[in-house]
C-alpha atoms as a PDB file:
ATOM      1  CA  MET A   1      21.001  -5.097  -1.956  1.00  0.00           C
ATOM      2  CA  SER A   2      17.555  -4.374  -0.632  1.00  0.00           C
ATOM      3  CA  SER A   3      14.021  -4.776  -1.917  1.00  0.00           C
ATOM      4  CA  ARG A   4      11.181  -2.311  -2.184  1.00  0.00           C
ATOM      5  CA  PRO A   5       8.736  -2.076   0.755  1.00  0.00           C
ATOM      6  CA  SER A   6       6.514  -5.124   1.041  1.00  0.00           C
ATOM      7  CA  SER A   7       3.406  -3.166   0.006  1.00  0.00           C
ATOM      8  CA  VAL A   8       4.968  -2.600  -3.409  1.00  0.00           C
ATOM      9  CA  VAL A   9       6.340  -6.100  -3.847  1.00  0.00           C
ATOM     10  CA  GLU A  10       3.137  -7.825  -2.753  1.00  0.00           C
ATOM     11  CA  SER A  11       0.948  -5.813  -5.122  1.00  0.00           C
ATOM     12  CA  THR A  12       3.060  -6.529  -8.211  1.00  0.00           C
ATOM     13  CA  SER A  13       5.147  -9.251  -9.791  1.00  0.00           C
ATOM     14  CA  VAL A  14       8.370  -7.335  -9.267  1.00  0.00           C
ATOM     15  CA  ILE A  15      11.408  -7.371  -7.028  1.00  0.00           C
ATOM     16  CA  MET A  16      13.115  -4.004  -6.825  1.00  0.00           C
ATOM     17  CA  VAL A  17      16.896  -3.970  -6.554  1.00  0.00           C
ATOM     18  CA  SER A  18      18.083  -0.632  -5.266  1.00  0.00           C
ATOM     19  CA  THR A  19      21.751  -0.726  -4.333  1.00  0.00           C
ATOM     20  CA  ALA A  20      24.982  -2.028  -5.767  1.00  0.00           C
ATOM     21  CA  LEU A  21      25.001  -4.925  -8.217  1.00  0.00           C
ATOM     22  CA  ASP A  22      25.220  -8.384  -6.634  1.00  0.00           C
ATOM     23  CA  GLN A  23      25.464 -10.931  -9.439  1.00  0.00           C
ATOM     24  CA  ARG A  24      24.567 -13.949  -7.324  1.00  0.00           C
ATOM     25  CA  MET A  25      21.384 -12.442  -5.897  1.00  0.00           C
ATOM     26  CA  VAL A  26      20.290 -11.107  -9.273  1.00  0.00           C
ATOM     27  CA  ALA A  27      20.845 -14.508 -10.879  1.00  0.00           C
ATOM     28  CA  SER A  28      18.793 -16.125  -8.137  1.00  0.00           C
ATOM     29  CA  ALA A  29      15.965 -13.644  -8.606  1.00  0.00           C
ATOM     30  CA  LEU A  30      15.977 -14.088 -12.367  1.00  0.00           C
ATOM     31  CA  SER A  31      15.717 -17.844 -11.948  1.00  0.00           C
ATOM     32  CA  THR A  32      12.234 -17.441 -10.478  1.00  0.00           C
ATOM     33  CA  GLN A  33      11.064 -17.028 -14.100  1.00  0.00           C
ATOM     34  CA  THR A  34       7.773 -15.277 -13.371  1.00  0.00           C
ATOM     35  CA  THR A  35       9.401 -12.355 -11.569  1.00  0.00           C
ATOM     36  CA  LEU A  36      10.831  -9.442 -13.495  1.00  0.00           C
ATOM     37  CA  VAL A  37      13.804  -7.900 -11.718  1.00  0.00           C
ATOM     38  CA  LEU A  38      14.543  -4.225 -12.275  1.00  0.00           C
ATOM     39  CA  MET A  39      18.058  -3.048 -11.486  1.00  0.00           C
ATOM     40  CA  VAL A  40      18.712   0.286  -9.786  1.00  0.00           C
ATOM     41  CA  SER A  41      22.462   0.171  -9.345  1.00  0.00           C
ATOM     42  CA  THR A  42      24.947   2.925  -8.631  1.00  0.00           C
ATOM     43  CA  THR A  43      27.388   0.982 -10.813  1.00  0.00           C
ATOM     44  CA  LEU A  44      24.869   1.209 -13.661  1.00  0.00           C
ATOM     45  CA  ASP A  45      24.243   4.966 -13.307  1.00  0.00           C
ATOM     46  CA  GLN A  46      20.889   4.575 -11.550  1.00  0.00           C
ATOM     47  CA  ARG A  47      19.050   3.824 -14.796  1.00  0.00           C
ATOM     48  CA  MET A  48      15.271   3.473 -14.440  1.00  0.00           C
ATOM     49  CA  GLY A  49      12.098   4.828 -16.066  1.00  0.00           C
ATOM     50  CA  ARG A  50       8.591   5.989 -15.324  1.00  0.00           C
ATOM     51  CA  PRO A  51       6.538   4.921 -12.282  1.00  0.00           C
ATOM     52  CA  VAL A  52       4.213   2.196 -13.611  1.00  0.00           C
ATOM     53  CA  LEU A  53       3.930   0.500 -16.988  1.00  0.00           C
ATOM     54  CA  HIS A  54       2.127  -2.689 -17.955  1.00  0.00           C
ATOM     55  CA  GLY A  55       4.700  -5.006 -19.433  1.00  0.00           C
ATOM     56  CA  HIS A  56       4.702  -6.209 -23.049  1.00  0.00           C
ATOM     57  CA  SER A  57       4.951  -9.833 -21.867  1.00  0.00           C
ATOM     58  CA  GLY A  58       2.289  -9.726 -19.187  1.00  0.00           C
ATOM     59  CA  PHE A  59       4.467  -8.527 -16.330  1.00  0.00           C
ATOM     60  CA  ASP A  60       3.705  -5.476 -14.224  1.00  0.00           C
ATOM     61  CA  VAL A  61       6.705  -3.206 -14.645  1.00  0.00           C
ATOM     62  CA  VAL A  62       7.288  -0.856 -11.735  1.00  0.00           C
ATOM     63  CA  VAL A  63      10.080   1.656 -12.072  1.00  0.00           C
ATOM     64  CA  VAL A  64      11.161   3.978  -9.252  1.00  0.00           C
ATOM     65  CA  ASP A  65      13.955   6.170  -7.973  1.00  0.00           C
ATOM     66  CA  GLY A  66      15.384   7.024 -11.366  1.00  0.00           C
ATOM     67  CA  ILE A  67      15.177   9.103 -14.506  1.00  0.00           C
ATOM     68  CA  ALA A  68      12.064   8.763 -16.657  1.00  0.00           C
ATOM     69  CA  GLY A  69      13.788  10.383 -19.617  1.00  0.00           C
ATOM     70  CA  GLU A  70      15.699   7.282 -20.641  1.00  0.00           C
ATOM     71  CA  VAL A  71      12.595   5.131 -21.048  1.00  0.00           C
ATOM     72  CA  ASP A  72      10.888   7.973 -22.905  1.00  0.00           C
ATOM     73  CA  GLU A  73      13.831   8.356 -25.269  1.00  0.00           C
ATOM     74  CA  VAL A  74      14.023   4.618 -25.977  1.00  0.00           C
ATOM     75  CA  ALA A  75      10.256   4.532 -26.526  1.00  0.00           C
ATOM     76  CA  ARG A  76      10.539   7.430 -28.969  1.00  0.00           C
ATOM     77  CA  ARG A  77      13.156   5.575 -31.001  1.00  0.00           C
ATOM     78  CA  LEU A  78      11.149   2.360 -31.008  1.00  0.00           C
ATOM     79  CA  ARG A  79       7.982   4.182 -32.009  1.00  0.00           C
ATOM     80  CA  ALA A  80       9.795   5.823 -34.910  1.00  0.00           C
ATOM     81  CA  ALA A  81      10.948   2.372 -36.025  1.00  0.00           C
ATOM     82  CA  GLY A  82       7.344   1.175 -36.111  1.00  0.00           C
ATOM     83  CA  SER A  83       6.866  -0.522 -32.740  1.00  0.00           C
ATOM     84  CA  VAL A  84       3.224  -0.703 -31.694  1.00  0.00           C
ATOM     85  CA  TYR A  85       4.163  -1.350 -28.060  1.00  0.00           C
ATOM     86  CA  ALA A  86       7.018   1.141 -27.839  1.00  0.00           C
ATOM     87  CA  GLU A  87       6.571   2.148 -24.178  1.00  0.00           C
ATOM     88  CA  ASP A  88       6.178  -1.430 -22.967  1.00  0.00           C
ATOM     89  CA  GLU A  89       9.217  -2.563 -24.930  1.00  0.00           C
ATOM     90  CA  ALA A  90      11.262   0.405 -23.727  1.00  0.00           C
ATOM     91  CA  ALA A  91      10.442  -0.452 -20.112  1.00  0.00           C
ATOM     92  CA  LEU A  92      11.595  -4.033 -20.593  1.00  0.00           C
ATOM     93  CA  LEU A  93      14.783  -3.007 -22.363  1.00  0.00           C
ATOM     94  CA  CYS A  94      15.661  -0.369 -19.769  1.00  0.00           C
ATOM     95  CA  ALA A  95      15.026  -2.911 -17.009  1.00  0.00           C
ATOM     96  CA  ALA A  96      17.849  -5.144 -18.251  1.00  0.00           C
ATOM     97  CA  PRO A  97      20.732  -5.126 -15.748  1.00  0.00           C
ATOM     98  CA  VAL A  98      23.310  -3.943 -18.278  1.00  0.00           C
ATOM     99  CA  SER A  99      25.539  -0.941 -18.888  1.00  0.00           C
ATOM    100  CA  HIS A 100      24.470   2.042 -20.960  1.00  0.00           C
ATOM    101  CA  ALA A 101      26.621   0.813 -23.845  1.00  0.00           C
ATOM    102  CA  ALA A 102      24.995  -2.604 -23.742  1.00  0.00           C
ATOM    103  CA  LEU A 103      21.537  -1.039 -23.544  1.00  0.00           C
ATOM    104  CA  GLU A 104      22.305   1.107 -26.559  1.00  0.00           C
ATOM    105  CA  ALA A 105      23.326  -2.016 -28.495  1.00  0.00           C
ATOM    106  CA  MET A 106      20.077  -3.726 -27.494  1.00  0.00           C
ATOM    107  CA  VAL A 107      17.965  -0.770 -28.577  1.00  0.00           C
ATOM    108  CA  ALA A 108      19.848  -0.552 -31.874  1.00  0.00           C
ATOM    109  CA  ARG A 109      19.126  -4.236 -32.562  1.00  0.00           C
ATOM    110  CA  ARG A 110      15.444  -3.773 -31.819  1.00  0.00           C
ATOM    111  CA  VAL A 111      15.242  -0.658 -34.004  1.00  0.00           C
ATOM    112  CA  ALA A 112      16.891  -2.661 -36.797  1.00  0.00           C
ATOM    113  CA  GLY A 113      14.122  -5.259 -36.566  1.00  0.00           C
ATOM    114  CA  ALA A 114      15.455  -8.018 -34.330  1.00  0.00           C
ATOM    115  CA  PRO A 115      12.668  -9.697 -32.319  1.00  0.00           C
ATOM    116  CA  LEU A 116      12.324  -8.190 -28.863  1.00  0.00           C
ATOM    117  CA  GLU A 117      12.630 -11.659 -27.330  1.00  0.00           C
ATOM    118  CA  HIS A 118      15.976 -12.272 -29.026  1.00  0.00           C
ATOM    119  CA  VAL A 119      17.215  -8.869 -27.892  1.00  0.00           C
ATOM    120  CA  LEU A 120      16.157  -9.502 -24.283  1.00  0.00           C
ATOM    121  CA  GLY A 121      17.320 -13.112 -24.363  1.00  0.00           C
ATOM    122  CA  TRP A 122      14.020 -14.450 -23.033  1.00  0.00           C
ATOM    123  CA  ALA A 123      10.309 -14.749 -23.757  1.00  0.00           C
ATOM    124  CA  GLU A 124       7.323 -15.126 -21.448  1.00  0.00           C
ATOM    125  CA  PHE A 125       5.250 -18.234 -22.186  1.00  0.00           C
ATOM    126  CA  CYS A 126       2.440 -19.538 -19.979  1.00  0.00           C
ATOM    127  CA  GLY A 127       3.933 -17.680 -17.037  1.00  0.00           C
ATOM    128  CA  GLN A 128       7.392 -19.194 -17.582  1.00  0.00           C
ATOM    129  CA  ARG A 129      10.486 -17.209 -18.491  1.00  0.00           C
ATOM    130  CA  ILE A 130      11.973 -19.050 -21.467  1.00  0.00           C
ATOM    131  CA  LEU A 131      15.588 -18.289 -22.322  1.00  0.00           C
ATOM    132  CA  LEU A 132      16.176 -17.602 -26.008  1.00  0.00           C
ATOM    133  CA  ASP A 133      19.198 -17.529 -28.291  1.00  0.00           C
ATOM    134  CA  ASP A 134      19.429 -15.639 -31.562  1.00  0.00           C
ATOM    135  CA  GLY A 135      17.825 -17.491 -34.459  1.00  0.00           C
ATOM    136  CA  VAL A 136      15.786 -19.829 -32.288  1.00  0.00           C
ATOM    137  CA  PHE A 137      12.039 -19.863 -32.912  1.00  0.00           C
ATOM    138  CA  VAL A 138      10.231 -17.455 -30.580  1.00  0.00           C
ATOM    139  CA  PRO A 139       7.339 -19.212 -28.791  1.00  0.00           C
ATOM    140  CA  ARG A 140       4.071 -17.642 -29.895  1.00  0.00           C
ATOM    141  CA  ARG A 141       1.299 -16.566 -27.574  1.00  0.00           C
ATOM    142  CA  ARG A 142      -1.208 -18.588 -29.621  1.00  0.00           C
ATOM    143  CA  THR A 143       0.777 -21.746 -28.863  1.00  0.00           C
ATOM    144  CA  GLU A 144      -0.100 -21.398 -25.184  1.00  0.00           C
ATOM    145  CA  ALA A 145      -3.387 -23.119 -26.085  1.00  0.00           C
ATOM    146  CA  LEU A 146      -1.400 -26.132 -27.305  1.00  0.00           C
ATOM    147  CA  ALA A 147       0.681 -26.137 -24.125  1.00  0.00           C
ATOM    148  CA  ARG A 148      -2.387 -25.908 -21.895  1.00  0.00           C
ATOM    149  CA  ALA A 149      -4.081 -28.787 -23.722  1.00  0.00           C
ATOM    150  CA  ALA A 150      -0.943 -30.895 -23.309  1.00  0.00           C
ATOM    151  CA  VAL A 151      -0.811 -30.054 -19.594  1.00  0.00           C
ATOM    152  CA  GLU A 152      -4.426 -31.107 -19.176  1.00  0.00           C
ATOM    153  CA  ARG A 153      -3.696 -34.524 -20.679  1.00  0.00           C
ATOM    154  CA  LEU A 154      -0.483 -34.931 -18.736  1.00  0.00           C
ATOM    155  CA  VAL A 155      -1.913 -34.171 -15.300  1.00  0.00           C
ATOM    156  CA  ALA A 156      -4.720 -36.634 -16.015  1.00  0.00           C
ATOM    157  CA  VAL A 157      -2.261 -39.541 -16.227  1.00  0.00           C
ATOM    158  CA  ALA A 158      -2.843 -41.499 -13.035  1.00  0.00           C
ATOM    159  CA  ARG A 159       0.461 -43.285 -12.665  1.00  0.00           C
ATOM    160  CA  ARG A 160       3.694 -41.731 -11.470  1.00  0.00           C
ATOM    161  CA  SER A 161       6.357 -40.557 -13.906  1.00  0.00           C
ATOM    162  CA  PRO A 162       4.285 -40.181 -17.064  1.00  0.00           C
ATOM    163  CA  VAL A 163       6.197 -39.995 -20.336  1.00  0.00           C
ATOM    164  CA  ALA A 164       5.967 -36.865 -22.487  1.00  0.00           C
ATOM    165  CA  VAL A 165       7.758 -35.966 -25.717  1.00  0.00           C
ATOM    166  CA  ASP A 166       8.105 -32.417 -27.062  1.00  0.00           C
ATOM    167  CA  LEU A 167       8.926 -32.745 -30.774  1.00  0.00           C
ATOM    168  CA  CYS A 168      10.064 -29.725 -32.797  1.00  0.00           C
ATOM    169  CA  CYS A 169      10.733 -28.344 -29.328  1.00  0.00           C
ATOM    170  CA  GLY A 170      12.531 -25.144 -30.341  1.00  0.00           C
ATOM    171  CA  SER A 171      13.531 -23.401 -27.114  1.00  0.00           C
ATOM    172  CA  GLY A 172      11.770 -26.047 -25.016  1.00  0.00           C
ATOM    173  CA  ALA A 173       8.938 -23.713 -24.021  1.00  0.00           C
ATOM    174  CA  ILE A 174       6.165 -26.316 -24.084  1.00  0.00           C
ATOM    175  CA  GLY A 175       8.324 -28.836 -22.258  1.00  0.00           C
ATOM    176  CA  ALA A 176       9.055 -26.272 -19.553  1.00  0.00           C
ATOM    177  CA  VAL A 177       5.323 -25.733 -19.031  1.00  0.00           C
ATOM    178  CA  LEU A 178       4.734 -29.488 -18.828  1.00  0.00           C
ATOM    179  CA  LEU A 179       7.407 -29.920 -16.166  1.00  0.00           C
ATOM    180  CA  ALA A 180       6.106 -26.934 -14.206  1.00  0.00           C
ATOM    181  CA  HIS A 181       2.712 -28.638 -13.873  1.00  0.00           C
ATOM    182  CA  ARG A 182       3.882 -32.246 -13.596  1.00  0.00           C
ATOM    183  CA  PRO A 183       7.470 -32.296 -12.260  1.00  0.00           C
ATOM    184  CA  ASP A 184       7.610 -36.113 -12.112  1.00  0.00           C
ATOM    185  CA  THR A 185       7.309 -36.319 -15.904  1.00  0.00           C
ATOM    186  CA  THR A 186       9.946 -38.166 -17.888  1.00  0.00           C
ATOM    187  CA  LEU A 187      10.413 -35.651 -20.686  1.00  0.00           C
ATOM    188  CA  TYR A 188      12.181 -35.975 -24.006  1.00  0.00           C
ATOM    189  CA  ALA A 189      12.648 -32.876 -26.176  1.00  0.00           C
ATOM    190  CA  SER A 190      13.771 -33.118 -29.778  1.00  0.00           C
ATOM    191  CA  ASP A 191      14.483 -30.701 -32.608  1.00  0.00           C
ATOM    192  CA  ILE A 192      16.331 -30.989 -35.902  1.00  0.00           C
ATOM    193  CA  ASP A 193      18.055 -27.617 -35.342  1.00  0.00           C
ATOM    194  CA  PRO A 194      21.207 -27.914 -33.178  1.00  0.00           C
ATOM    195  CA  ALA A 195      20.874 -24.282 -32.038  1.00  0.00           C
ATOM    196  CA  ALA A 196      17.363 -24.970 -30.797  1.00  0.00           C
ATOM    197  CA  VAL A 197      18.511 -28.057 -28.904  1.00  0.00           C
ATOM    198  CA  ARG A 198      21.288 -26.069 -27.212  1.00  0.00           C
ATOM    199  CA  CYS A 199      18.713 -23.477 -26.175  1.00  0.00           C
ATOM    200  CA  ALA A 200      16.295 -26.160 -24.939  1.00  0.00           C
ATOM    201  CA  ARG A 201      19.014 -27.593 -22.704  1.00  0.00           C
ATOM    202  CA  ARG A 202      19.153 -24.272 -20.882  1.00  0.00           C
ATOM    203  CA  ASN A 203      15.407 -24.326 -20.249  1.00  0.00           C
ATOM    204  CA  LEU A 204      15.019 -28.053 -19.641  1.00  0.00           C
ATOM    205  CA  PRO A 205      17.920 -29.245 -17.473  1.00  0.00           C
ATOM    206  CA  GLU A 206      15.789 -32.166 -16.237  1.00  0.00           C
ATOM    207  CA  ALA A 207      14.867 -33.414 -19.722  1.00  0.00           C
ATOM    208  CA  ARG A 208      16.610 -35.601 -22.258  1.00  0.00           C
ATOM    209  CA  GLU A 209      17.308 -33.427 -25.284  1.00  0.00           C
ATOM    210  CA  VAL A 210      17.849 -34.942 -28.712  1.00  0.00           C
ATOM    211  CA  CYS A 211      18.967 -33.339 -31.964  1.00  0.00           C
ATOM    212  CA  ALA A 212      17.108 -35.336 -34.588  1.00  0.00           C
ATOM    213  CA  ASP A 213      14.303 -35.329 -37.143  1.00  0.00           C
ATOM    214  CA  LEU A 214      10.992 -36.120 -35.433  1.00  0.00           C
ATOM    215  CA  PHE A 215      11.188 -39.607 -33.859  1.00  0.00           C
ATOM    216  CA  ASP A 216      14.645 -40.477 -35.197  1.00  0.00           C
ATOM    217  CA  GLY A 217      16.580 -39.703 -32.018  1.00  0.00           C
ATOM    218  CA  LEU A 218      14.183 -41.219 -29.481  1.00  0.00           C
ATOM    219  CA  PRO A 219      15.180 -44.451 -27.752  1.00  0.00           C
ATOM    220  CA  ALA A 220      13.353 -47.500 -29.096  1.00  0.00           C
ATOM    221  CA  ALA A 221      12.253 -48.322 -25.539  1.00  0.00           C
ATOM    222  CA  LEU A 222       9.816 -45.386 -25.688  1.00  0.00           C
ATOM    223  CA  ARG A 223       7.797 -46.964 -28.482  1.00  0.00           C
ATOM    224  CA  GLY A 224       4.301 -47.687 -27.219  1.00  0.00           C
ATOM    225  CA  ARG A 225       4.900 -45.823 -23.930  1.00  0.00           C
ATOM    226  CA  ILE A 226       4.368 -42.102 -24.629  1.00  0.00           C
ATOM    227  CA  ASP A 227       1.455 -40.560 -22.738  1.00  0.00           C
ATOM    228  CA  VAL A 228       1.621 -37.074 -24.259  1.00  0.00           C
ATOM    229  CA  LEU A 229       3.215 -36.404 -27.631  1.00  0.00           C
ATOM    230  CA  VAL A 230       3.123 -32.677 -28.362  1.00  0.00           C
ATOM    231  CA  ALA A 231       4.619 -31.191 -31.507  1.00  0.00           C
ATOM    232  CA  ASN A 232       4.683 -27.525 -32.450  1.00  0.00           C
ATOM    233  CA  LEU A 233       5.205 -28.375 -36.094  1.00  0.00           C
ATOM    234  CA  PRO A 234       5.959 -25.786 -38.774  1.00  0.00           C
ATOM    235  CA  TYR A 235       2.685 -25.310 -40.655  1.00  0.00           C
ATOM    236  CA  VAL A 236       3.102 -22.210 -42.812  1.00  0.00           C
ATOM    237  CA  PRO A 237       2.630 -23.106 -46.509  1.00  0.00           C
ATOM    238  CA  THR A 238       5.820 -22.462 -48.443  1.00  0.00           C
ATOM    239  CA  GLY A 239       4.085 -19.948 -50.694  1.00  0.00           C
ATOM    240  CA  ASP A 240       3.008 -17.905 -47.675  1.00  0.00           C
ATOM    241  CA  LEU A 241       6.488 -17.521 -46.178  1.00  0.00           C
ATOM    242  CA  PRO A 242       7.112 -14.158 -47.932  1.00  0.00           C
ATOM    243  CA  THR A 243       4.008 -12.757 -46.216  1.00  0.00           C
ATOM    244  CA  LEU A 244       5.285 -13.467 -42.708  1.00  0.00           C
ATOM    245  CA  PRO A 245       6.434 -10.535 -40.555  1.00  0.00           C
ATOM    246  CA  ALA A 246      10.048  -9.573 -41.123  1.00  0.00           C
ATOM    247  CA  GLU A 247      10.918 -10.612 -37.567  1.00  0.00           C
ATOM    248  CA  ALA A 248      10.088 -14.214 -38.496  1.00  0.00           C
ATOM    249  CA  ARG A 249      11.369 -14.186 -42.092  1.00  0.00           C
ATOM    250  CA  GLU A 250      14.720 -12.637 -41.272  1.00  0.00           C
ATOM    251  CA  HIS A 251      15.471 -13.829 -37.750  1.00  0.00           C
ATOM    252  CA  GLU A 252      14.045 -17.347 -37.430  1.00  0.00           C
ATOM    253  CA  ARG A 253      15.249 -20.365 -39.346  1.00  0.00           C
ATOM    254  CA  ARG A 254      13.119 -21.425 -42.293  1.00  0.00           C
ATOM    255  CA  ILE A 255      13.069 -25.018 -41.077  1.00  0.00           C
ATOM    256  CA  ALA A 256      11.027 -23.843 -38.059  1.00  0.00           C
ATOM    257  CA  LEU A 257       8.429 -22.156 -40.286  1.00  0.00           C
ATOM    258  CA  ASP A 258       8.082 -23.986 -43.604  1.00  0.00           C
ATOM    259  CA  GLY A 259       5.347 -26.628 -43.634  1.00  0.00           C
ATOM    260  CA  GLY A 260       5.580 -27.515 -47.325  1.00  0.00           C
ATOM    261  CA  ALA A 261       3.127 -26.837 -50.134  1.00  0.00           C
ATOM    262  CA  ASP A 262      -0.004 -26.883 -47.963  1.00  0.00           C
ATOM    263  CA  GLY A 263       1.669 -26.475 -44.572  1.00  0.00           C
ATOM    264  CA  LEU A 264       0.873 -30.041 -43.540  1.00  0.00           C
ATOM    265  CA  ALA A 265       3.882 -31.994 -44.833  1.00  0.00           C
ATOM    266  CA  PRO A 266       5.443 -32.304 -41.333  1.00  0.00           C
ATOM    267  CA  LEU A 267       2.120 -33.482 -39.891  1.00  0.00           C
ATOM    268  CA  ARG A 268       1.834 -36.222 -42.510  1.00  0.00           C
ATOM    269  CA  ARG A 269       5.277 -37.516 -41.601  1.00  0.00           C
ATOM    270  CA  LEU A 270       4.579 -37.277 -37.872  1.00  0.00           C
ATOM    271  CA  ALA A 271       1.175 -38.962 -38.033  1.00  0.00           C
ATOM    272  CA  THR A 272       2.541 -41.913 -39.977  1.00  0.00           C
ATOM    273  CA  ASP A 273       4.503 -43.150 -36.956  1.00  0.00           C
ATOM    274  CA  ALA A 274       2.723 -41.466 -34.060  1.00  0.00           C
ATOM    275  CA  ARG A 275       0.340 -44.292 -33.194  1.00  0.00           C
ATOM    276  CA  SER A 276       3.129 -46.810 -32.690  1.00  0.00           C
ATOM    277  CA  TRP A 277       4.906 -44.476 -30.259  1.00  0.00           C
ATOM    278  CA  LEU A 278       1.856 -43.622 -28.160  1.00  0.00           C
ATOM    279  CA  GLY A 279       0.879 -45.626 -25.112  1.00  0.00           C
ATOM    280  CA  PRO A 280      -2.569 -47.264 -24.921  1.00  0.00           C
ATOM    281  CA  ASP A 281      -4.102 -44.030 -23.608  1.00  0.00           C
ATOM    282  CA  GLY A 282      -1.632 -41.696 -25.275  1.00  0.00           C
ATOM    283  CA  THR A 283      -2.491 -38.522 -27.157  1.00  0.00           C
ATOM    284  CA  LEU A 284      -0.870 -36.589 -29.985  1.00  0.00           C
ATOM    285  CA  LEU A 285      -1.323 -32.797 -29.901  1.00  0.00           C
ATOM    286  CA  VAL A 286      -0.433 -30.352 -32.686  1.00  0.00           C
ATOM    287  CA  GLU A 287      -1.354 -26.827 -33.738  1.00  0.00           C
ATOM    288  CA  VAL A 288      -2.801 -26.009 -37.162  1.00  0.00           C
ATOM    289  CA  ALA A 289      -4.422 -23.029 -38.862  1.00  0.00           C
ATOM    290  CA  ASP A 290      -8.186 -22.804 -39.226  1.00  0.00           C
ATOM    291  CA  ALA A 291      -8.048 -23.371 -42.975  1.00  0.00           C
ATOM    292  CA  GLN A 292      -6.009 -26.562 -42.503  1.00  0.00           C
ATOM    293  CA  VAL A 293      -8.452 -28.271 -40.138  1.00  0.00           C
ATOM    294  CA  PRO A 294     -10.317 -30.527 -42.608  1.00  0.00           C
ATOM    295  CA  ALA A 295      -7.138 -31.890 -44.198  1.00  0.00           C
ATOM    296  CA  ALA A 296      -5.289 -32.156 -40.874  1.00  0.00           C
ATOM    297  CA  ARG A 297      -8.170 -34.026 -39.274  1.00  0.00           C
ATOM    298  CA  THR A 298      -8.184 -36.503 -42.153  1.00  0.00           C
ATOM    299  CA  ILE A 299      -4.438 -37.047 -41.819  1.00  0.00           C
ATOM    300  CA  VAL A 300      -4.769 -37.879 -38.129  1.00  0.00           C
ATOM    301  CA  ALA A 301      -7.761 -40.179 -38.670  1.00  0.00           C
ATOM    302  CA  ARG A 302      -6.038 -42.089 -41.478  1.00  0.00           C
ATOM    303  CA  ALA A 303      -3.101 -42.670 -39.128  1.00  0.00           C
ATOM    304  CA  GLY A 304      -5.434 -44.656 -36.864  1.00  0.00           C
ATOM    305  CA  LEU A 305      -5.973 -41.969 -34.252  1.00  0.00           C
ATOM    306  CA  HIS A 306      -9.213 -40.408 -33.051  1.00  0.00           C
ATOM    307  CA  PRO A 307      -9.175 -36.659 -33.869  1.00  0.00           C
ATOM    308  CA  GLN A 308     -10.570 -33.982 -31.608  1.00  0.00           C
ATOM    309  CA  LEU A 309     -10.526 -30.227 -32.192  1.00  0.00           C
ATOM    310  CA  LEU A 310      -9.940 -27.455 -29.656  1.00  0.00           C
ATOM    311  CA  PRO A 311     -10.390 -24.181 -31.573  1.00  0.00           C
ATOM    312  CA  ASP A 312      -8.945 -20.889 -30.407  1.00  0.00           C
ATOM    313  CA  ASP A 313     -11.140 -18.347 -32.182  1.00  0.00           C
ATOM    314  CA  GLU A 314      -9.305 -15.385 -30.669  1.00  0.00           C
ATOM    315  CA  ARG A 315      -5.965 -16.313 -32.222  1.00  0.00           C
ATOM    316  CA  GLY A 316      -7.185 -18.076 -35.369  1.00  0.00           C
ATOM    317  CA  CYS A 317      -5.597 -21.448 -34.730  1.00  0.00           C
ATOM    318  CA  VAL A 318      -6.739 -24.887 -33.627  1.00  0.00           C
ATOM    319  CA  VAL A 319      -5.266 -27.504 -31.330  1.00  0.00           C
ATOM    320  CA  LEU A 320      -5.752 -30.889 -32.983  1.00  0.00           C
ATOM    321  CA  LEU A 321      -5.634 -33.980 -30.789  1.00  0.00           C
ATOM    322  CA  GLY A 322      -5.204 -37.527 -31.988  1.00  0.00           C
ATOM    323  CA  ALA A 323      -5.916 -40.129 -29.291  1.00  0.00           C
ATOM    324  CA  ARG A 324      -5.224 -43.857 -29.321  1.00  0.00           C
ATOM    325  CA  ARG A 325      -8.621 -44.447 -27.716  1.00  0.00           C
ATOM    326  CA  PRO A 326     -11.862 -42.805 -28.834  1.00  0.00           C
ATOM    327  CA  PRO A 327     -13.150 -40.074 -26.516  1.00  0.00           C
ATOM    328  CA  VAL A 328     -15.588 -41.212 -23.858  1.00  0.00           C
ATOM    329  CA  THR A 329     -19.109 -40.026 -24.574  1.00  0.00           C
ATOM    330  CA  THR A 330     -22.138 -40.176 -22.349  1.00  0.00           C
ATOM    331  CA  GLY A 331     -25.647 -40.677 -23.689  1.00  0.00           C
ATOM    332  CA  VAL A 332     -29.113 -40.447 -22.230  1.00  0.00           C
END
């Protein structure tokens, strides 16, 4: 195997693979997470696409030495099925190091409505490549604001080995971002869905994964010691579930979406016990919709925590923090 000339590699986020398939080297390259590897293999019929495309997930996709027609044909099929990002998705699908038969199966799944991330087997989240299994909740781009806020609190912990808990962890995307920025973190990741926990184990080999409802599976020794408690709770009101995109309704488990009558039932349950699990300077972080802010803020305050809002106007959601200690203010 050989890579593209350094001028190409250095100007993009891509490693080009241009000879026969070497499984060990490809696996190593894929493990870098932020690098997209495009396979040009004689054993895979030299499949590639057009020269430069900007990737659907934020990657620069560079395709050389192959036949543009395949990407064009896949894009045509995706566009006919209603994809808004048909060319970007086609580039990502055609970049998968698989046979033509396997590629055809992937395209057929996407045309039938399966989420692109489930078809690819991964999603990009805060610069991390998160492995995904069918049925597991796909991490949303809007949730990156929640992850970034959790990182900010985690890196501010002065002592070594801070304790973080990722509740309703799904694939473990937020936990992976936390560990990337603070590798000495003692991380627990919990979800009530066994499939999600299995997926999280693939993304969080350093963490302690638990299959349980909220705090139920956490060791009692963590009570009063958690520095960062982040929970990507389901917050879609039950009555709004039919209005969700088909990709969510039909391919993600309802338990990962349904927040009860007003979307805040999981938050009420979480807030009830959160304060006792947080350390003296610990913080709870959740994501809610704009319309839920007044009620959510009241829930957090009544639980004995000090609420703070971090709105994301671009994506129409809000990160809600609940701290054990009131925020420090300066006056003149």
